Amino acid sequence: MDTSTPQTDSFQVLEQHRPSDEADRRARELFLTAGVGILCSKILKEYMDHCEQASTEGKTHKATTMEQYSATVKELLTISIWLTLFEQATQELPTWFKEFIIDCHAIADKVQPKPPAAETNRKYNMNSPVTEICTEVSISLCMELDLGATANDALIYLGDLLVGAKTHRAELLEFALTQPVAALDQRIKQS
């Protein structure tokens, strides 16, 4: 990944944010995975709504099945968890945080096995800058969902949404690592 320019100037993970024990860590990983998953579902809905509203000349796409929708959210979740890590790469990251992110992928795979996080990781060039990763994801998912003919910007709009969600990802990460576990549970219930 290109770390020549900082990805975010907001919350930065520090040693003081390390979970206190395994139970604490697990609760925080579950919160972050669920929170980012909810964010990804909202991003995908906004993207699909945009494409439907912008549809020109009555062109429509084939209906998206629940299985396709779930798999697409999972792919977005996998990428977004990595983006959460990459956006912290303005400094040397603690080993515990890298392991935390890997554990979030494992949780995501247990909740939604397809596509596996490892498959999504191989699909994209994760050494690229964040904006390029987001554009690559956008183009790929646009084609998989057959949305290319619906809007002039269908190929790139999802990428713009992913890039634009940086603040939300940072806020979810900060909440996950700084709030009491009871607050994490409460926030997920409110989502």
C-alpha atoms as a PDB file:
ATOM      1  CA  MET A   1       0.000   0.000   0.000  1.00  0.00           C
ATOM      2  CA  ASP A   2       1.162   3.499  -0.809  1.00  0.00           C
ATOM      3  CA  THR A   3       1.676   5.331   2.487  1.00  0.00           C
ATOM      4  CA  SER A   4       3.387   8.386   1.046  1.00  0.00           C
ATOM      5  CA  THR A   5       0.460  10.606   1.941  1.00  0.00           C
ATOM      6  CA  PRO A   6      -1.559  10.330   5.147  1.00  0.00           C
ATOM      7  CA  GLN A   7      -5.008   8.849   4.582  1.00  0.00           C
ATOM      8  CA  THR A   8      -6.663  10.483   7.570  1.00  0.00           C
ATOM      9  CA  ASP A   9      -5.879  13.193  10.057  1.00  0.00           C
ATOM     10  CA  SER A  10      -8.488  12.121  12.557  1.00  0.00           C
ATOM     11  CA  PHE A  11      -8.331   9.299  15.098  1.00  0.00           C
ATOM     12  CA  GLN A  12      -4.997   7.478  15.297  1.00  0.00           C
ATOM     13  CA  VAL A  13      -4.594   4.061  16.915  1.00  0.00           C
ATOM     14  CA  LEU A  14      -2.129   4.139  19.808  1.00  0.00           C
ATOM     15  CA  GLU A  15      -0.902   1.577  22.305  1.00  0.00           C
ATOM     16  CA  GLN A  16      -3.330   3.006  24.886  1.00  0.00           C
ATOM     17  CA  HIS A  17      -6.218   1.780  22.687  1.00  0.00           C
ATOM     18  CA  ARG A  18      -5.183  -1.869  23.005  1.00  0.00           C
ATOM     19  CA  PRO A  19      -8.094  -3.952  24.383  1.00  0.00           C
ATOM     20  CA  SER A  20      -7.515  -4.998  27.988  1.00  0.00           C
ATOM     21  CA  ASP A  21      -8.037  -8.750  27.521  1.00  0.00           C
ATOM     22  CA  GLU A  22      -9.396 -11.344  25.067  1.00  0.00           C
ATOM     23  CA  ALA A  23     -13.061 -10.769  25.975  1.00  0.00           C
ATOM     24  CA  ASP A  24     -12.636  -7.017  25.577  1.00  0.00           C
ATOM     25  CA  ARG A  25     -10.814  -7.491  22.274  1.00  0.00           C
ATOM     26  CA  ARG A  26     -13.470  -9.848  20.936  1.00  0.00           C
ATOM     27  CA  ALA A  27     -16.304  -7.439  21.830  1.00  0.00           C
ATOM     28  CA  ARG A  28     -14.498  -4.589  20.082  1.00  0.00           C
ATOM     29  CA  GLU A  29     -13.772  -6.699  16.993  1.00  0.00           C
ATOM     30  CA  LEU A  30     -17.422  -7.749  16.811  1.00  0.00           C
ATOM     31  CA  PHE A  31     -18.543  -4.133  17.098  1.00  0.00           C
ATOM     32  CA  LEU A  32     -16.190  -2.884  14.398  1.00  0.00           C
ATOM     33  CA  THR A  33     -17.104  -5.713  12.026  1.00  0.00           C
ATOM     34  CA  ALA A  34     -20.841  -5.201  12.582  1.00  0.00           C
ATOM     35  CA  GLY A  35     -20.583  -1.415  12.379  1.00  0.00           C
ATOM     36  CA  VAL A  36     -18.600  -1.476   9.148  1.00  0.00           C
ATOM     37  CA  GLY A  37     -20.984  -4.124   7.779  1.00  0.00           C
ATOM     38  CA  ILE A  38     -23.962  -1.858   8.443  1.00  0.00           C
ATOM     39  CA  LEU A  39     -22.089   1.032   6.815  1.00  0.00           C
ATOM     40  CA  CYS A  40     -21.360  -1.134   3.750  1.00  0.00           C
ATOM     41  CA  SER A  41     -25.001  -2.148   3.451  1.00  0.00           C
ATOM     42  CA  LYS A  42     -25.993   1.526   3.493  1.00  0.00           C
ATOM     43  CA  ILE A  43     -23.327   2.358   0.896  1.00  0.00           C
ATOM     44  CA  LEU A  44     -24.528  -0.412  -1.408  1.00  0.00           C
ATOM     45  CA  LYS A  45     -28.158   0.668  -1.030  1.00  0.00           C
ATOM     46  CA  GLU A  46     -27.229   4.273  -1.824  1.00  0.00           C
ATOM     47  CA  TYR A  47     -25.267   3.098  -4.864  1.00  0.00           C
ATOM     48  CA  MET A  48     -28.095   0.943  -6.195  1.00  0.00           C
ATOM     49  CA  ASP A  49     -30.667   3.697  -5.551  1.00  0.00           C
ATOM     50  CA  HIS A  50     -28.453   6.177  -7.405  1.00  0.00           C
ATOM     51  CA  CYS A  51     -28.161   3.859 -10.388  1.00  0.00           C
ATOM     52  CA  GLU A  52     -31.904   3.215 -10.480  1.00  0.00           C
ATOM     53  CA  GLN A  53     -32.752   6.934 -10.254  1.00  0.00           C
ATOM     54  CA  ALA A  54     -30.196   7.887 -12.894  1.00  0.00           C
ATOM     55  CA  SER A  55     -31.266   5.155 -15.294  1.00  0.00           C
ATOM     56  CA  THR A  56     -31.462   6.627 -18.782  1.00  0.00           C
ATOM     57  CA  GLU A  57     -33.757   5.636 -21.644  1.00  0.00           C
ATOM     58  CA  GLY A  58     -35.577   3.174 -19.445  1.00  0.00           C
ATOM     59  CA  LYS A  59     -32.529   0.912 -19.255  1.00  0.00           C
ATOM     60  CA  THR A  60     -32.676  -1.298 -16.233  1.00  0.00           C
ATOM     61  CA  HIS A  61     -30.513  -4.032 -14.846  1.00  0.00           C
ATOM     62  CA  LYS A  62     -31.449  -7.509 -13.861  1.00  0.00           C
ATOM     63  CA  ALA A  63     -32.870  -7.742 -10.374  1.00  0.00           C
ATOM     64  CA  THR A  64     -30.298  -8.306  -7.663  1.00  0.00           C
ATOM     65  CA  THR A  65     -30.945 -11.417  -5.634  1.00  0.00           C
ATOM     66  CA  MET A  66     -30.553 -11.467  -1.860  1.00  0.00           C
ATOM     67  CA  GLU A  67     -27.579 -13.798  -2.330  1.00  0.00           C
ATOM     68  CA  GLN A  68     -25.885 -11.297  -4.688  1.00  0.00           C
ATOM     69  CA  TYR A  69     -26.665  -8.427  -2.342  1.00  0.00           C
ATOM     70  CA  SER A  70     -25.207 -10.279   0.669  1.00  0.00           C
ATOM     71  CA  ALA A  71     -22.090 -11.303  -1.249  1.00  0.00           C
ATOM     72  CA  THR A  72     -21.586  -7.732  -2.460  1.00  0.00           C
ATOM     73  CA  VAL A  73     -21.948  -6.327   1.060  1.00  0.00           C
ATOM     74  CA  LYS A  74     -19.428  -8.947   2.241  1.00  0.00           C
ATOM     75  CA  GLU A  75     -16.962  -7.901  -0.443  1.00  0.00           C
ATOM     76  CA  LEU A  76     -17.426  -4.249   0.527  1.00  0.00           C
ATOM     77  CA  LEU A  77     -16.999  -5.213   4.187  1.00  0.00           C
ATOM     78  CA  THR A  78     -13.725  -7.014   3.479  1.00  0.00           C
ATOM     79  CA  ILE A  79     -12.377  -4.026   1.549  1.00  0.00           C
ATOM     80  CA  SER A  80     -13.650  -1.524   4.127  1.00  0.00           C
ATOM     81  CA  ILE A  81     -11.966  -3.365   6.993  1.00  0.00           C
ATOM     82  CA  TRP A  82      -8.686  -3.153   5.072  1.00  0.00           C
ATOM     83  CA  LEU A  83      -9.317   0.520   4.349  1.00  0.00           C
ATOM     84  CA  THR A  84      -9.752   1.058   8.085  1.00  0.00           C
ATOM     85  CA  LEU A  85      -6.243  -0.343   8.548  1.00  0.00           C
ATOM     86  CA  PHE A  86      -4.731   1.529   5.591  1.00  0.00           C
ATOM     87  CA  GLU A  87      -6.188   4.824   6.743  1.00  0.00           C
ATOM     88  CA  GLN A  88      -4.218   4.415   9.965  1.00  0.00           C
ATOM     89  CA  ALA A  89      -0.955   3.903   8.084  1.00  0.00           C
ATOM     90  CA  THR A  90       0.378   7.394   8.786  1.00  0.00           C
ATOM     91  CA  GLN A  91       2.478   5.833  11.525  1.00  0.00           C
ATOM     92  CA  GLU A  92       3.980   2.478  12.443  1.00  0.00           C
ATOM     93  CA  LEU A  93       0.985   0.418  13.486  1.00  0.00           C
ATOM     94  CA  PRO A  94       1.074  -1.736  16.607  1.00  0.00           C
ATOM     95  CA  THR A  95       1.118  -5.476  15.933  1.00  0.00           C
ATOM     96  CA  TRP A  96      -1.980  -5.938  18.094  1.00  0.00           C
ATOM     97  CA  PHE A  97      -3.925  -3.603  15.779  1.00  0.00           C
ATOM     98  CA  LYS A  98      -2.921  -5.509  12.648  1.00  0.00           C
ATOM     99  CA  GLU A  99      -4.059  -8.722  14.366  1.00  0.00           C
ATOM    100  CA  PHE A 100      -7.286  -6.961  15.395  1.00  0.00           C
ATOM    101  CA  ILE A 101      -8.042  -6.186  11.734  1.00  0.00           C
ATOM    102  CA  ILE A 102      -7.253  -9.758  10.647  1.00  0.00           C
ATOM    103  CA  ASP A 103      -9.603 -11.030  13.359  1.00  0.00           C
ATOM    104  CA  CYS A 104     -12.348  -8.740  12.011  1.00  0.00           C
ATOM    105  CA  HIS A 105     -11.992 -10.485   8.646  1.00  0.00           C
ATOM    106  CA  ALA A 106     -12.299 -13.867  10.356  1.00  0.00           C
ATOM    107  CA  ILE A 107     -15.491 -12.712  12.078  1.00  0.00           C
ATOM    108  CA  ALA A 108     -16.882 -11.464   8.762  1.00  0.00           C
ATOM    109  CA  ASP A 109     -16.123 -14.852   7.185  1.00  0.00           C
ATOM    110  CA  LYS A 110     -18.035 -16.636   9.953  1.00  0.00           C
ATOM    111  CA  VAL A 111     -21.087 -14.403   9.525  1.00  0.00           C
ATOM    112  CA  GLN A 112     -21.043 -14.406   5.711  1.00  0.00           C
ATOM    113  CA  PRO A 113     -18.712 -17.051   4.252  1.00  0.00           C
ATOM    114  CA  LYS A 114     -19.034 -15.977   0.606  1.00  0.00           C
ATOM    115  CA  PRO A 115     -16.931 -14.549  -0.787  1.00  0.00           C
ATOM    116  CA  PRO A 116     -14.155 -15.401   1.667  1.00  0.00           C
ATOM    117  CA  ALA A 117     -12.031 -12.433   2.715  1.00  0.00           C
ATOM    118  CA  ALA A 118      -8.932 -14.135   1.279  1.00  0.00           C
ATOM    119  CA  GLU A 119     -10.617 -14.366  -2.140  1.00  0.00           C
ATOM    120  CA  THR A 120     -11.519 -10.679  -2.084  1.00  0.00           C
ATOM    121  CA  ASN A 121      -7.982  -9.795  -1.018  1.00  0.00           C
ATOM    122  CA  ARG A 122      -6.580 -11.676  -4.029  1.00  0.00           C
ATOM    123  CA  LYS A 123      -9.085 -10.056  -6.379  1.00  0.00           C
ATOM    124  CA  TYR A 124      -7.817  -6.506  -5.857  1.00  0.00           C
ATOM    125  CA  ASN A 125      -4.393  -4.882  -5.841  1.00  0.00           C
ATOM    126  CA  MET A 126      -4.190  -4.044  -2.160  1.00  0.00           C
ATOM    127  CA  ASN A 127      -0.795  -2.377  -2.670  1.00  0.00           C
ATOM    128  CA  SER A 128      -2.438   0.487  -4.551  1.00  0.00           C
ATOM    129  CA  PRO A 129      -3.426   3.831  -3.032  1.00  0.00           C
ATOM    130  CA  VAL A 130      -6.840   3.837  -1.363  1.00  0.00           C
ATOM    131  CA  THR A 131      -8.563   5.780  -4.156  1.00  0.00           C
ATOM    132  CA  GLU A 132      -7.337   3.281  -6.760  1.00  0.00           C
ATOM    133  CA  ILE A 133      -8.525   0.337  -4.669  1.00  0.00           C
ATOM    134  CA  CYS A 134     -11.952   1.969  -4.331  1.00  0.00           C
ATOM    135  CA  THR A 135     -12.181   2.622  -8.071  1.00  0.00           C
ATOM    136  CA  GLU A 136     -11.178  -0.963  -8.858  1.00  0.00           C
ATOM    137  CA  VAL A 137     -13.817  -2.284  -6.432  1.00  0.00           C
ATOM    138  CA  SER A 138     -16.433   0.034  -7.923  1.00  0.00           C
ATOM    139  CA  ILE A 139     -15.798  -1.075 -11.496  1.00  0.00           C
ATOM    140  CA  SER A 140     -15.785  -4.758 -10.559  1.00  0.00           C
ATOM    141  CA  LEU A 141     -18.990  -4.633  -8.520  1.00  0.00           C
ATOM    142  CA  CYS A 142     -20.750  -2.464 -11.099  1.00  0.00           C
ATOM    143  CA  MET A 143     -20.100  -5.142 -13.706  1.00  0.00           C
ATOM    144  CA  GLU A 144     -21.058  -8.011 -11.376  1.00  0.00           C
ATOM    145  CA  LEU A 145     -24.347  -6.298 -10.518  1.00  0.00           C
ATOM    146  CA  ASP A 146     -24.961  -5.356 -14.169  1.00  0.00           C
ATOM    147  CA  LEU A 147     -25.407  -1.668 -13.343  1.00  0.00           C
ATOM    148  CA  GLY A 148     -23.168  -0.256 -16.090  1.00  0.00           C
ATOM    149  CA  ALA A 149     -26.025   0.825 -18.360  1.00  0.00           C
ATOM    150  CA  THR A 150     -28.085   2.469 -15.628  1.00  0.00           C
ATOM    151  CA  ALA A 151     -26.132   5.676 -14.930  1.00  0.00           C
ATOM    152  CA  ASN A 152     -23.354   7.616 -16.610  1.00  0.00           C
ATOM    153  CA  ASP A 153     -21.214   7.391 -13.475  1.00  0.00           C
ATOM    154  CA  ALA A 154     -22.212   3.836 -12.475  1.00  0.00           C
ATOM    155  CA  LEU A 155     -18.677   2.491 -12.862  1.00  0.00           C
ATOM    156  CA  ILE A 156     -17.131   4.983 -10.431  1.00  0.00           C
ATOM    157  CA  TYR A 157     -19.930   6.082  -8.116  1.00  0.00           C
ATOM    158  CA  LEU A 158     -19.496   3.236  -5.653  1.00  0.00           C
ATOM    159  CA  GLY A 159     -15.776   4.028  -5.417  1.00  0.00           C
ATOM    160  CA  ASP A 160     -16.614   7.625  -4.585  1.00  0.00           C
ATOM    161  CA  LEU A 161     -18.941   6.419  -1.827  1.00  0.00           C
ATOM    162  CA  LEU A 162     -16.194   4.167  -0.405  1.00  0.00           C
ATOM    163  CA  VAL A 163     -13.653   6.995  -0.406  1.00  0.00           C
ATOM    164  CA  GLY A 164     -16.240   9.327   1.124  1.00  0.00           C
ATOM    165  CA  ALA A 165     -16.926   6.871   3.952  1.00  0.00           C
ATOM    166  CA  LYS A 166     -13.414   7.358   5.380  1.00  0.00           C
ATOM    167  CA  THR A 167     -14.693   9.606   8.165  1.00  0.00           C
ATOM    168  CA  HIS A 168     -17.362   7.057   9.113  1.00  0.00           C
ATOM    169  CA  ARG A 169     -14.808   4.238   9.216  1.00  0.00           C
ATOM    170  CA  ALA A 170     -12.486   6.319  11.412  1.00  0.00           C
ATOM    171  CA  GLU A 171     -15.366   7.215  13.720  1.00  0.00           C
ATOM    172  CA  LEU A 172     -16.410   3.556  14.032  1.00  0.00           C
ATOM    173  CA  LEU A 173     -12.824   2.559  14.778  1.00  0.00           C
ATOM    174  CA  GLU A 174     -12.469   5.274  17.401  1.00  0.00           C
ATOM    175  CA  PHE A 175     -15.747   4.262  19.019  1.00  0.00           C
ATOM    176  CA  ALA A 176     -14.726   0.586  18.950  1.00  0.00           C
ATOM    177  CA  LEU A 177     -11.405   1.232  20.666  1.00  0.00           C
ATOM    178  CA  THR A 178     -12.317   3.967  23.148  1.00  0.00           C
ATOM    179  CA  GLN A 179     -15.838   3.354  24.436  1.00  0.00           C
ATOM    180  CA  PRO A 180     -16.989   0.953  27.150  1.00  0.00           C
ATOM    181  CA  VAL A 181     -18.221  -2.403  25.849  1.00  0.00           C
ATOM    182  CA  ALA A 182     -21.784  -1.630  27.031  1.00  0.00           C
ATOM    183  CA  ALA A 183     -21.786   1.454  24.774  1.00  0.00           C
ATOM    184  CA  LEU A 184     -20.736  -0.716  21.818  1.00  0.00           C
ATOM    185  CA  ASP A 185     -23.683  -3.047  22.319  1.00  0.00           C
ATOM    186  CA  GLN A 186     -26.074  -0.125  22.691  1.00  0.00           C
ATOM    187  CA  ARG A 187     -24.892   1.531  19.490  1.00  0.00           C
ATOM    188  CA  ILE A 188     -25.311  -1.647  17.438  1.00  0.00           C
ATOM    189  CA  LYS A 189     -28.840  -2.065  18.803  1.00  0.00           C
ATOM    190  CA  GLN A 190     -29.620   1.504  17.673  1.00  0.00           C
ATOM    191  CA  SER A 191     -28.293   0.880  14.166  1.00  0.00           C
END
